[in-house]
Amino acid sequence: MKFITRLERNGGWQFHPLVVGKFTLSIQASNSHYCTPRQELLNAGDYSAFEVAIFEGDSWINPTNDERFESLESDLKGRWDSSEHSVGAYIPAELVQRLYDLCEEVQA
């Protein structure tokens, strides 16, 4: 999966954010993130699910409330809460890749 090949640890247990099109994706996994397994693993490919946040500039994006992501709405429902600064919890790697791909496709 393309997003996994781009993830690099920042020297600690967080991955650097990924700029994807006009969005920035924070894709995280460790013992303090909503991921599977909830452990500190070196290889991103060893996780089956991740914690994800989406940003556009300084704004948090909740894809369940954003029409640009409506093609994934049914898959994301229940994985994101409705708060302004929400993250997606336990997002399967395959769905993270679909979010990544959609972010590449979305035009300004």
Protein backbone atom coordinates (compact mmCIF):
# COMPACT_ATOMS: atom_id res chain seq x y z
CA MET A 1 0.00 0.00 0.00
CA LYS A 2 1.34 3.35 -1.05
CA PHE A 3 0.64 5.20 2.20
CA ILE A 4 2.57 2.60 4.22
CA THR A 5 5.66 3.04 2.05
CA ARG A 6 5.60 6.78 2.83
CA LEU A 7 5.26 6.50 6.62
CA GLU A 8 8.42 7.32 8.57
CA ARG A 9 8.83 7.61 12.34
CA ASN A 10 9.76 11.08 13.58
CA GLY A 11 12.40 9.78 15.96
CA GLY A 12 9.77 8.82 18.52
CA TRP A 13 6.63 6.75 18.19
CA GLN A 14 4.77 9.05 15.81
CA PHE A 15 4.83 9.05 12.03
CA HIS A 16 5.54 12.23 10.10
CA PRO A 17 2.40 13.71 8.51
CA LEU A 18 1.88 12.99 4.81
CA VAL A 19 1.00 15.75 2.36
CA VAL A 20 -1.45 14.23 -0.10
CA GLY A 21 -2.83 16.62 -2.69
CA LYS A 22 -4.25 19.61 -0.81
CA PHE A 23 -4.59 17.63 2.42
CA THR A 24 -2.27 16.56 5.21
CA LEU A 25 -2.89 13.14 6.70
CA SER A 26 -1.77 12.24 10.18
CA ILE A 27 -1.65 8.45 10.19
CA GLN A 28 -0.56 7.14 13.58
CA ALA A 29 0.01 3.83 15.33
CA SER A 30 1.57 3.06 18.73
CA ASN A 31 0.52 2.00 22.20
CA SER A 32 -1.12 5.42 22.69
CA HIS A 33 -3.06 5.57 19.39
CA TYR A 34 -6.32 3.99 18.22
CA CYS A 35 -4.68 1.27 16.12
CA THR A 36 -4.33 -2.49 15.83
CA PRO A 37 -2.22 -3.83 17.37
CA ARG A 38 -1.97 -1.14 20.04
CA GLN A 39 1.80 -1.55 20.38
CA GLU A 40 4.98 0.26 19.44
CA LEU A 41 6.14 -1.49 16.27
CA LEU A 42 8.90 -0.23 13.99
CA ASN A 43 7.34 -1.34 10.69
CA ALA A 44 4.14 0.45 9.66
CA GLY A 45 3.20 -2.59 7.59
CA ASP A 46 2.80 -4.61 10.80
CA TYR A 47 -0.33 -2.63 11.74
CA SER A 48 -3.73 -3.65 10.39
CA ALA A 49 -5.55 -0.47 11.52
CA PHE A 50 -4.51 3.13 12.21
CA GLU A 51 -5.59 6.36 13.86
CA VAL A 52 -6.13 9.02 11.18
CA ALA A 53 -6.66 12.78 11.17
CA ILE A 54 -7.17 14.87 8.02
CA PHE A 55 -6.22 18.52 7.67
CA GLU A 56 -6.68 21.12 4.97
CA GLY A 57 -4.32 23.95 5.86
CA ASP A 58 -4.99 24.65 9.54
CA SER A 59 -8.50 23.17 9.45
CA TRP A 60 -9.44 19.74 10.74
CA ILE A 61 -11.52 17.77 8.23
CA ASN A 62 -14.12 15.28 9.38
CA PRO A 63 -14.71 13.14 6.27
CA THR A 64 -18.11 12.00 7.54
CA ASN A 65 -19.29 15.64 7.32
CA ASP A 66 -17.53 16.61 4.09
CA GLU A 67 -19.13 15.98 0.69
CA ARG A 68 -15.71 15.47 -0.93
CA PHE A 69 -15.47 12.19 0.99
CA GLU A 70 -19.06 11.02 0.51
CA SER A 71 -17.95 7.99 -1.53
CA LEU A 72 -16.41 6.62 1.68
CA GLU A 73 -19.11 7.83 4.07
CA SER A 74 -20.69 4.43 4.73
CA ASP A 75 -17.28 2.85 5.40
CA LEU A 76 -16.23 5.67 7.72
CA LYS A 77 -19.49 5.95 9.65
CA GLY A 78 -18.96 5.05 13.28
CA ARG A 79 -15.19 5.36 12.96
CA TRP A 80 -15.14 9.18 13.30
CA ASP A 81 -16.96 11.09 15.99
CA SER A 82 -18.78 14.32 15.23
CA SER A 83 -16.52 16.69 17.15
CA GLU A 84 -14.66 19.49 15.40
CA HIS A 85 -11.21 18.03 16.13
CA SER A 86 -11.97 14.37 15.64
CA VAL A 87 -9.78 11.52 14.53
CA GLY A 88 -10.68 8.25 12.89
CA ALA A 89 -10.15 5.30 15.20
CA TYR A 90 -9.06 1.82 14.19
CA ILE A 91 -9.26 2.59 10.46
CA PRO A 92 -8.32 -0.59 8.53
CA ALA A 93 -5.22 -0.21 6.36
CA GLU A 94 -7.25 -0.82 3.19
CA LEU A 95 -9.60 2.03 4.10
CA VAL A 96 -6.67 4.32 4.94
CA GLN A 97 -5.37 3.63 1.43
CA ARG A 98 -8.75 4.51 -0.06
CA LEU A 99 -8.76 7.78 1.93
CA TYR A 100 -5.21 8.47 0.72
CA ASP A 101 -6.22 7.81 -2.90
CA LEU A 102 -9.27 10.05 -2.59
CA CYS A 103 -7.14 12.86 -1.14
CA GLU A 104 -4.89 12.60 -4.20
CA GLU A 105 -7.92 12.93 -6.49
CA VAL A 106 -9.76 15.83 -4.78
CA GLN A 107 -9.31 19.13 -6.60
CA ALA A 108 -9.26 22.56 -5.01
